[in-house]
All heavy atoms as atom14 arrays in JSON, in Angstrom:
{
  "sequence": "YLRKKKFYIEECTGHINLMDDEMAGYMEGIVQTFSFSTE",
  "atom14_mask": [
    [1, 1, 1, 1, 1, 1, 1, 1, 1, 1, 1, 1, 0, 0],
    [1, 1, 1, 1, 1, 1, 1, 1, 0, 0, 0, 0, 0, 0],
    [1, 1, 1, 1, 1, 1, 1, 1, 1, 1, 1, 0, 0, 0],
    [1, 1, 1, 1, 1, 1, 1, 1, 1, 0, 0, 0, 0, 0],
    [1, 1, 1, 1, 1, 1, 1, 1, 1, 0, 0, 0, 0, 0],
    [1, 1, 1, 1, 1, 1, 1, 1, 1, 0, 0, 0, 0, 0],
    [1, 1, 1, 1, 1, 1, 1, 1, 1, 1, 1, 0, 0, 0],
    [1, 1, 1, 1, 1, 1, 1, 1, 1, 1, 1, 1, 0, 0],
    [1, 1, 1, 1, 1, 1, 1, 1, 0, 0, 0, 0, 0, 0],
    [1, 1, 1, 1, 1, 1, 1, 1, 1, 0, 0, 0, 0, 0],
    [1, 1, 1, 1, 1, 1, 1, 1, 1, 0, 0, 0, 0, 0],
    [1, 1, 1, 1, 1, 1, 0, 0, 0, 0, 0, 0, 0, 0],
    [1, 1, 1, 1, 1, 1, 1, 0, 0, 0, 0, 0, 0, 0],
    [1, 1, 1, 1, 0, 0, 0, 0, 0, 0, 0, 0, 0, 0],
    [1, 1, 1, 1, 1, 1, 1, 1, 1, 1, 0, 0, 0, 0],
    [1, 1, 1, 1, 1, 1, 1, 1, 0, 0, 0, 0, 0, 0],
    [1, 1, 1, 1, 1, 1, 1, 1, 0, 0, 0, 0, 0, 0],
    [1, 1, 1, 1, 1, 1, 1, 1, 0, 0, 0, 0, 0, 0],
    [1, 1, 1, 1, 1, 1, 1, 1, 0, 0, 0, 0, 0, 0],
    [1, 1, 1, 1, 1, 1, 1, 1, 0, 0, 0, 0, 0, 0],
    [1, 1, 1, 1, 1, 1, 1, 1, 0, 0, 0, 0, 0, 0],
    [1, 1, 1, 1, 1, 1, 1, 1, 1, 0, 0, 0, 0, 0],
    [1, 1, 1, 1, 1, 1, 1, 1, 0, 0, 0, 0, 0, 0],
    [1, 1, 1, 1, 1, 0, 0, 0, 0, 0, 0, 0, 0, 0],
    [1, 1, 1, 1, 0, 0, 0, 0, 0, 0, 0, 0, 0, 0],
    [1, 1, 1, 1, 1, 1, 1, 1, 1, 1, 1, 1, 0, 0],
    [1, 1, 1, 1, 1, 1, 1, 1, 0, 0, 0, 0, 0, 0],
    [1, 1, 1, 1, 1, 1, 1, 1, 1, 0, 0, 0, 0, 0],
    [1, 1, 1, 1, 0, 0, 0, 0, 0, 0, 0, 0, 0, 0],
    [1, 1, 1, 1, 1, 1, 1, 1, 0, 0, 0, 0, 0, 0],
    [1, 1, 1, 1, 1, 1, 1, 0, 0, 0, 0, 0, 0, 0],
    [1, 1, 1, 1, 1, 1, 1, 1, 1, 0, 0, 0, 0, 0],
    [1, 1, 1, 1, 1, 1, 1, 0, 0, 0, 0, 0, 0, 0],
    [1, 1, 1, 1, 1, 1, 1, 1, 1, 1, 1, 0, 0, 0],
    [1, 1, 1, 1, 1, 1, 0, 0, 0, 0, 0, 0, 0, 0],
    [1, 1, 1, 1, 1, 1, 1, 1, 1, 1, 1, 0, 0, 0],
    [1, 1, 1, 1, 1, 1, 0, 0, 0, 0, 0, 0, 0, 0],
    [1, 1, 1, 1, 1, 1, 1, 0, 0, 0, 0, 0, 0, 0],
    [1, 1, 1, 1, 1, 1, 1, 1, 1, 0, 0, 0, 0, 0]
  ],
  "atom14_positions": [
    [[39.5, -64.3, 169.72], [40.87, -64.61, 169.32], [40.89, -65.52, 168.09], [41.7, -65.31, 167.17], [41.61, -65.3, 170.48], [43.04, -65.64, 170.16], [44.0, -64.68, 170.21], [43.4, -66.93, 169.76], [45.34, -64.95, 169.88], [44.71, -67.24, 169.43], [45.69, -66.24, 169.51], [46.99, -66.54, 169.19], [0.0, 0.0, 0.0], [0.0, 0.0, 0.0]],
    [[39.99, -66.48, 168.06], [39.91, -67.39, 166.92], [39.59, -66.59, 165.65], [40.15, -66.85, 164.57], [38.85, -68.48, 167.19], [39.19, -69.51, 168.25], [37.96, -70.25, 168.67], [40.26, -70.46, 167.77], [0.0, 0.0, 0.0], [0.0, 0.0, 0.0], [0.0, 0.0, 0.0], [0.0, 0.0, 0.0], [0.0, 0.0, 0.0], [0.0, 0.0, 0.0]],
    [[38.67, -65.65, 165.75], [38.31, -64.85, 164.59], [39.51, -64.04, 164.1], [39.77, -63.93, 162.88], [37.14, -63.97, 164.91], [36.7, -63.04, 163.75], [35.42, -62.3, 164.05], [34.28, -63.21, 163.98], [33.65, -63.67, 165.04], [34.07, -63.32, 166.25], [32.62, -64.47, 164.93], [0.0, 0.0, 0.0], [0.0, 0.0, 0.0], [0.0, 0.0, 0.0]],
    [[40.22, -63.44, 165.02], [41.39, -62.63, 164.69], [42.44, -63.49, 163.93], [43.08, -62.99, 162.98], [41.99, -62.06, 165.97], [43.28, -61.29, 165.79], [43.82, -60.86, 167.14], [45.21, -60.26, 167.02], [45.8, -59.91, 168.36], [0.0, 0.0, 0.0], [0.0, 0.0, 0.0], [0.0, 0.0, 0.0], [0.0, 0.0, 0.0], [0.0, 0.0, 0.0]],
    [[42.61, -64.71, 164.33], [43.62, -65.59, 163.76], [43.13, -66.36, 162.56], [43.88, -67.09, 161.92], [44.13, -66.6, 164.83], [44.79, -65.97, 166.02], [46.18, -65.43, 165.74], [47.17, -66.56, 165.54], [48.55, -66.04, 165.45], [0.0, 0.0, 0.0], [0.0, 0.0, 0.0], [0.0, 0.0, 0.0], [0.0, 0.0, 0.0], [0.0, 0.0, 0.0]],
    [[41.85, -66.22, 162.23], [41.19, -66.99, 161.16], [41.29, -68.48, 161.42], [41.56, -69.29, 160.58], [41.81, -66.65, 159.81], [41.57, -65.21, 159.39], [42.08, -64.91, 157.99], [41.73, -63.45, 157.61], [42.23, -63.11, 156.27], [0.0, 0.0, 0.0], [0.0, 0.0, 0.0], [0.0, 0.0, 0.0], [0.0, 0.0, 0.0], [0.0, 0.0, 0.0]],
    [[41.01, -68.83, 162.7], [40.9, -70.2, 163.17], [39.41, -70.56, 163.28], [38.55, -69.63, 163.34], [41.59, -70.4, 164.51], [43.09, -70.27, 164.5], [43.79, -70.18, 165.67], [43.8, -70.25, 163.29], [45.18, -70.08, 165.68], [45.19, -70.12, 163.28], [45.86, -70.04, 164.46], [0.0, 0.0, 0.0], [0.0, 0.0, 0.0], [0.0, 0.0, 0.0]],
    [[39.1, -71.89, 163.37], [37.71, -72.3, 163.4], [37.49, -73.37, 164.48], [38.43, -74.05, 164.9], [37.32, -72.89, 162.04], [37.52, -71.9, 160.91], [38.66, -71.91, 160.15], [36.52, -70.95, 160.63], [38.86, -70.98, 159.14], [36.72, -70.0, 159.62], [37.89, -70.04, 158.87], [38.07, -69.12, 157.87], [0.0, 0.0, 0.0], [0.0, 0.0, 0.0]],
    [[36.22, -73.48, 164.88], [35.82, -74.55, 165.8], [34.93, -75.53, 165.02], [33.89, -75.08, 164.48], [35.02, -73.97, 167.02], [35.96, -73.11, 167.87], [34.44, -75.1, 167.84], [35.26, -72.43, 169.03], [0.0, 0.0, 0.0], [0.0, 0.0, 0.0], [0.0, 0.0, 0.0], [0.0, 0.0, 0.0], [0.0, 0.0, 0.0], [0.0, 0.0, 0.0]],
    [[35.33, -76.77, 164.96], [34.51, -77.77, 164.29], [33.21, -77.99, 165.07], [32.13, -78.05, 164.48], [35.27, -79.08, 164.15], [34.58, -80.13, 163.3], [34.66, -79.81, 161.81], [35.73, -79.98, 161.19], [33.66, -79.36, 161.26], [0.0, 0.0, 0.0], [0.0, 0.0, 0.0], [0.0, 0.0, 0.0], [0.0, 0.0, 0.0], [0.0, 0.0, 0.0]],
    [[33.34, -78.1, 166.4], [32.15, -78.34, 167.23], [32.41, -77.94, 168.68], [33.52, -78.1, 169.18], [31.76, -79.81, 167.17], [30.48, -80.16, 167.94], [30.05, -81.59, 167.72], [30.69, -82.34, 167.0], [29.02, -81.97, 168.31], [0.0, 0.0, 0.0], [0.0, 0.0, 0.0], [0.0, 0.0, 0.0], [0.0, 0.0, 0.0], [0.0, 0.0, 0.0]],
    [[31.42, -77.37, 169.27], [31.44, -77.15, 170.73], [30.04, -77.4, 171.3], [29.06, -77.37, 170.56], [31.9, -75.71, 171.09], [30.81, -74.37, 170.53], [0.0, 0.0, 0.0], [0.0, 0.0, 0.0], [0.0, 0.0, 0.0], [0.0, 0.0, 0.0], [0.0, 0.0, 0.0], [0.0, 0.0, 0.0], [0.0, 0.0, 0.0], [0.0, 0.0, 0.0]],
    [[30.02, -77.66, 172.58], [28.77, -78.07, 173.23], [28.41, -77.06, 174.32], [29.29, -76.61, 175.07], [28.93, -79.47, 173.84], [29.25, -80.39, 172.79], [27.66, -79.93, 174.53], [0.0, 0.0, 0.0], [0.0, 0.0, 0.0], [0.0, 0.0, 0.0], [0.0, 0.0, 0.0], [0.0, 0.0, 0.0], [0.0, 0.0, 0.0], [0.0, 0.0, 0.0]],
    [[27.13, -76.8, 174.49], [26.7, -75.89, 175.56], [25.24, -76.11, 175.89], [24.5, -76.79, 175.17], [0.0, 0.0, 0.0], [0.0, 0.0, 0.0], [0.0, 0.0, 0.0], [0.0, 0.0, 0.0], [0.0, 0.0, 0.0], [0.0, 0.0, 0.0], [0.0, 0.0, 0.0], [0.0, 0.0, 0.0], [0.0, 0.0, 0.0], [0.0, 0.0, 0.0]],
    [[24.82, -75.54, 177.0], [23.41, -75.57, 177.36], [22.64, -74.54, 176.56], [23.06, -73.38, 176.44], [23.27, -75.28, 178.88], [22.0, -75.73, 179.49], [20.78, -75.14, 179.19], [21.72, -76.71, 180.39], [19.82, -75.75, 179.87], [20.38, -76.72, 180.6], [0.0, 0.0, 0.0], [0.0, 0.0, 0.0], [0.0, 0.0, 0.0], [0.0, 0.0, 0.0]],
    [[21.55, -74.96, 175.94], [20.8, -74.07, 175.05], [20.29, -72.84, 175.75], [20.07, -71.79, 175.17], [19.65, -74.84, 174.35], [19.13, -74.07, 173.15], [18.58, -75.22, 175.33], [20.09, -73.92, 172.01], [0.0, 0.0, 0.0], [0.0, 0.0, 0.0], [0.0, 0.0, 0.0], [0.0, 0.0, 0.0], [0.0, 0.0, 0.0], [0.0, 0.0, 0.0]],
    [[20.07, -72.93, 177.09], [19.6, -71.78, 177.84], [20.61, -70.62, 177.77], [20.23, -69.45, 177.93], [19.34, -72.15, 179.31], [18.06, -72.91, 179.52], [17.41, -73.28, 178.55], [17.7, -73.12, 180.76], [0.0, 0.0, 0.0], [0.0, 0.0, 0.0], [0.0, 0.0, 0.0], [0.0, 0.0, 0.0], [0.0, 0.0, 0.0], [0.0, 0.0, 0.0]],
    [[21.88, -70.96, 177.6], [22.94, -69.96, 177.58], [23.14, -69.31, 176.22], [23.93, -68.39, 176.07], [24.25, -70.58, 178.08], [24.2, -71.16, 179.49], [25.49, -71.89, 179.79], [23.98, -70.06, 180.53], [0.0, 0.0, 0.0], [0.0, 0.0, 0.0], [0.0, 0.0, 0.0], [0.0, 0.0, 0.0], [0.0, 0.0, 0.0], [0.0, 0.0, 0.0]],
    [[22.44, -69.82, 175.21], [22.57, -69.31, 173.87], [21.62, -68.09, 173.72], [20.46, -68.18, 174.04], [22.23, -70.38, 172.84], [22.35, -69.9, 171.38], [23.97, -69.25, 171.01], [24.98, -70.71, 171.29], [0.0, 0.0, 0.0], [0.0, 0.0, 0.0], [0.0, 0.0, 0.0], [0.0, 0.0, 0.0], [0.0, 0.0, 0.0], [0.0, 0.0, 0.0]],
    [[22.16, -66.97, 173.26], [21.36, -65.81, 172.99], [21.89, -65.14, 171.73], [22.86, -65.59, 171.11], [21.35, -64.83, 174.17], [22.76, -64.46, 174.63], [23.7, -64.48, 173.8], [22.94, -64.14, 175.82], [0.0, 0.0, 0.0], [0.0, 0.0, 0.0], [0.0, 0.0, 0.0], [0.0, 0.0, 0.0], [0.0, 0.0, 0.0], [0.0, 0.0, 0.0]],
    [[21.28, -64.04, 171.31], [21.67, -63.39, 170.05], [23.12, -62.9, 170.13], [23.85, -63.01, 169.16], [20.77, -62.15, 169.78], [19.33, -62.6, 169.43], [19.08, -63.82, 169.35], [18.51, -61.69, 169.18], [0.0, 0.0, 0.0], [0.0, 0.0, 0.0], [0.0, 0.0, 0.0], [0.0, 0.0, 0.0], [0.0, 0.0, 0.0], [0.0, 0.0, 0.0]],
    [[23.53, -62.42, 171.27], [24.89, -61.91, 171.43], [25.89, -63.05, 171.23], [26.88, -62.92, 170.51], [25.1, -61.23, 172.77], [26.49, -60.65, 172.92], [26.74, -60.12, 174.35], [26.15, -60.66, 175.31], [27.54, -59.17, 174.46], [0.0, 0.0, 0.0], [0.0, 0.0, 0.0], [0.0, 0.0, 0.0], [0.0, 0.0, 0.0], [0.0, 0.0, 0.0]],
    [[25.64, -64.18, 171.92], [26.55, -65.31, 171.84], [26.6, -65.87, 170.41], [27.69, -66.21, 169.9], [26.15, -66.38, 172.84], [27.15, -67.54, 172.95], [28.82, -66.99, 173.4], [28.56, -66.32, 175.06], [0.0, 0.0, 0.0], [0.0, 0.0, 0.0], [0.0, 0.0, 0.0], [0.0, 0.0, 0.0], [0.0, 0.0, 0.0], [0.0, 0.0, 0.0]],
    [[25.46, -65.95, 169.77], [25.42, -66.43, 168.39], [26.27, -65.5, 167.48], [26.95, -65.97, 166.57], [23.99, -66.48, 167.87], [0.0, 0.0, 0.0], [0.0, 0.0, 0.0], [0.0, 0.0, 0.0], [0.0, 0.0, 0.0], [0.0, 0.0, 0.0], [0.0, 0.0, 0.0], [0.0, 0.0, 0.0], [0.0, 0.0, 0.0], [0.0, 0.0, 0.0]],
    [[26.22, -64.21, 167.77], [27.04, -63.26, 167.03], [28.54, -63.5, 167.2], [29.29, -63.37, 166.22], [0.0, 0.0, 0.0], [0.0, 0.0, 0.0], [0.0, 0.0, 0.0], [0.0, 0.0, 0.0], [0.0, 0.0, 0.0], [0.0, 0.0, 0.0], [0.0, 0.0, 0.0], [0.0, 0.0, 0.0], [0.0, 0.0, 0.0], [0.0, 0.0, 0.0]],
    [[28.93, -63.84, 168.4], [30.36, -64.12, 168.64], [30.82, -65.39, 167.94], [31.96, -65.56, 167.55], [30.62, -64.22, 170.17], [30.92, -62.89, 170.8], [29.9, -62.12, 171.33], [32.2, -62.4, 170.88], [30.15, -60.9, 171.92], [32.48, -61.19, 171.48], [31.44, -60.45, 171.98], [31.7, -59.22, 172.56], [0.0, 0.0, 0.0], [0.0, 0.0, 0.0]],
    [[29.86, -66.36, 167.76], [30.19, -67.64, 167.13], [30.16, -67.55, 165.6], [30.67, -68.41, 164.89], [29.2, -68.69, 167.6], [29.31, -69.01, 169.1], [27.89, -69.92, 169.75], [28.13, -71.5, 169.01], [0.0, 0.0, 0.0], [0.0, 0.0, 0.0], [0.0, 0.0, 0.0], [0.0, 0.0, 0.0], [0.0, 0.0, 0.0], [0.0, 0.0, 0.0]],
    [[29.54, -66.48, 165.09], [29.33, -66.34, 163.66], [30.65, -66.41, 162.87], [31.64, -65.75, 163.18], [28.68, -64.97, 163.37], [28.45, -64.69, 161.9], [27.79, -63.33, 161.68], [27.6, -62.58, 162.67], [27.46, -63.01, 160.52], [0.0, 0.0, 0.0], [0.0, 0.0, 0.0], [0.0, 0.0, 0.0], [0.0, 0.0, 0.0], [0.0, 0.0, 0.0]],
    [[30.67, -67.26, 161.88], [31.81, -67.32, 160.99], [32.97, -68.16, 161.43], [33.91, -68.41, 160.69], [0.0, 0.0, 0.0], [0.0, 0.0, 0.0], [0.0, 0.0, 0.0], [0.0, 0.0, 0.0], [0.0, 0.0, 0.0], [0.0, 0.0, 0.0], [0.0, 0.0, 0.0], [0.0, 0.0, 0.0], [0.0, 0.0, 0.0], [0.0, 0.0, 0.0]],
    [[32.93, -68.61, 162.72], [34.06, -69.41, 163.2], [33.63, -70.78, 163.77], [34.46, -71.68, 163.9], [34.86, -68.64, 164.27], [34.01, -68.28, 165.45], [35.57, -67.45, 163.67], [34.78, -67.7, 166.62], [0.0, 0.0, 0.0], [0.0, 0.0, 0.0], [0.0, 0.0, 0.0], [0.0, 0.0, 0.0], [0.0, 0.0, 0.0], [0.0, 0.0, 0.0]],
    [[32.35, -70.92, 164.12], [31.86, -72.19, 164.67], [31.03, -72.91, 163.62], [30.09, -72.35, 163.06], [31.0, -71.99, 165.96], [30.44, -73.31, 166.42], [31.82, -71.33, 167.05], [0.0, 0.0, 0.0], [0.0, 0.0, 0.0], [0.0, 0.0, 0.0], [0.0, 0.0, 0.0], [0.0, 0.0, 0.0], [0.0, 0.0, 0.0], [0.0, 0.0, 0.0]],
    [[31.39, -74.19, 163.29], [30.64, -74.95, 162.34], [29.4, -75.65, 162.95], [28.33, -75.61, 162.39], [31.52, -76.0, 161.69], [30.85, -76.87, 160.63], [30.5, -76.11, 159.37], [31.27, -75.99, 158.43], [29.31, -75.53, 159.32], [0.0, 0.0, 0.0], [0.0, 0.0, 0.0], [0.0, 0.0, 0.0], [0.0, 0.0, 0.0], [0.0, 0.0, 0.0]],
    [[29.58, -76.28, 164.12], [28.5, -77.0, 164.75], [28.37, -76.69, 166.23], [29.37, -76.69, 166.96], [28.7, -78.53, 164.56], [28.77, -78.83, 163.17], [27.54, -79.31, 165.18], [0.0, 0.0, 0.0], [0.0, 0.0, 0.0], [0.0, 0.0, 0.0], [0.0, 0.0, 0.0], [0.0, 0.0, 0.0], [0.0, 0.0, 0.0], [0.0, 0.0, 0.0]],
    [[27.14, -76.42, 166.66], [26.85, -76.25, 168.06], [25.98, -77.41, 168.51], [24.93, -77.65, 167.93], [26.16, -74.92, 168.35], [25.76, -74.71, 169.76], [26.72, -74.51, 170.75], [24.42, -74.74, 170.14], [26.36, -74.32, 172.09], [24.03, -74.56, 171.46], [25.02, -74.36, 172.43], [0.0, 0.0, 0.0], [0.0, 0.0, 0.0], [0.0, 0.0, 0.0]],
    [[26.4, -78.15, 169.54], [25.62, -79.26, 170.04], [25.0, -78.92, 171.4], [25.66, -78.28, 172.23], [26.55, -80.5, 170.23], [27.05, -80.92, 168.96], [0.0, 0.0, 0.0], [0.0, 0.0, 0.0], [0.0, 0.0, 0.0], [0.0, 0.0, 0.0], [0.0, 0.0, 0.0], [0.0, 0.0, 0.0], [0.0, 0.0, 0.0], [0.0, 0.0, 0.0]],
    [[23.77, -79.36, 171.57], [23.12, -79.16, 172.87], [22.22, -80.33, 173.14], [21.78, -81.05, 172.22], [22.32, -77.84, 172.92], [21.19, -77.77, 171.92], [19.89, -78.13, 172.29], [21.4, -77.35, 170.63], [18.84, -78.05, 171.41], [20.34, -77.27, 169.71], [19.04, -77.61, 170.1], [0.0, 0.0, 0.0], [0.0, 0.0, 0.0], [0.0, 0.0, 0.0]],
    [[21.92, -80.56, 174.4], [21.05, -81.67, 174.79], [19.67, -81.16, 175.14], [19.55, -80.25, 175.98], [21.64, -82.4, 176.01], [22.9, -83.01, 175.65], [0.0, 0.0, 0.0], [0.0, 0.0, 0.0], [0.0, 0.0, 0.0], [0.0, 0.0, 0.0], [0.0, 0.0, 0.0], [0.0, 0.0, 0.0], [0.0, 0.0, 0.0], [0.0, 0.0, 0.0]],
    [[18.67, -81.7, 174.5], [17.29, -81.38, 174.85], [16.76, -82.4, 175.85], [16.0, -82.05, 176.74], [16.39, -81.39, 173.58], [16.92, -80.48, 172.64], [14.96, -81.0, 173.92], [0.0, 0.0, 0.0], [0.0, 0.0, 0.0], [0.0, 0.0, 0.0], [0.0, 0.0, 0.0], [0.0, 0.0, 0.0], [0.0, 0.0, 0.0], [0.0, 0.0, 0.0]],
    [[17.13, -83.66, 175.68], [16.74, -84.8, 176.49], [15.28, -85.19, 176.28], [14.98, -86.34, 176.06], [17.03, -84.61, 177.97], [18.39, -84.01, 178.33], [19.61, -84.73, 177.72], [19.46, -85.62, 176.9], [20.7, -84.32, 178.06], [0.0, 0.0, 0.0], [0.0, 0.0, 0.0], [0.0, 0.0, 0.0], [0.0, 0.0, 0.0], [0.0, 0.0, 0.0]]
  ]
}
């Protein structure tokens, strides 16, 4: 929806285990920063 509207996400947070190629593709062009905790 954000891509369709030409809206953007400055930052969102998630568990790095849930990041994969498909999810990175959905974030492409609309997400500026992805934050995750390594600890």
